[in-house]
Amino acid sequence: VSYLQFILPGLLMMGVIMSAYSNTSFSLYIAKFQGSIQELMVSPMSYWEIIFAITIGGVFRGMLVGLGILVVGILFAHVTIHSIFILLFFILMVSLLFSFAGIATALWGNNFDQMNVFATFLITPLTYLGGVFYSITMLPPFWATLARFNPILYMVDGFRYGFIGVTDVPLRYSLILVLVLTLFFFFLCVHMFRIGYKLRT
């Protein structure tokens, strides 16, 4: 495949990750900062219903950004789709994963500086080192092994498989990792809401 075909899935996944994360993290943080989150806490909704209500915005924004990048990418590269089901699985699960991660960050953060810690020093470096612009098979053995500990590599690689049908790591590992991380962050968010983590004064 051409280089543009190779990097397009990674660029699309980068947009989805950052959009879903920033949407939920900053919208919930602003609600917490203004005190309007207390209205949700005293409502008859369960914690998971509140979480999903906030998450819908992040997922919708992530998918819209992904669609926009895909439309622009079609203008510059020949786009093929190997498996639509794999594409939908990864874009949905990664949107959910980083929406939940954004909620957890918003509950944890006390100011805007702390809100940017994860996006700037964790998500962005892992994204750029997650095989977006290169195949890990091109790396020296040590760095190729180290790269396999980067969870975003599995998200990008699995999503790329949906387009071109080729992976650097076994697809089942990517599917399992994304599913496990999504469930972990969902239950983490439920737990943080249940105990009122930095919400009840």
Foldseek 3Di string as FASTA:
>chain_A
DDLLLQQLLLVLLLQLLVQLLVQLQVVLLVCLVVVVVVVVLPDPDALLVVLVVSLVVSLVRSVVSSVVSVVVSVVPDPWAFPAPVLLVLLSNLSSLLSNLVSLVQSLPDDDVVSSCCCVPPPVVVLSVLQQSNHQLVPPDPVSSVVNVVRLVVLSSQSNSCRTVVDGNDDVVVSSVSSVVSSVVSSVVSSVCSVVCRNRDD
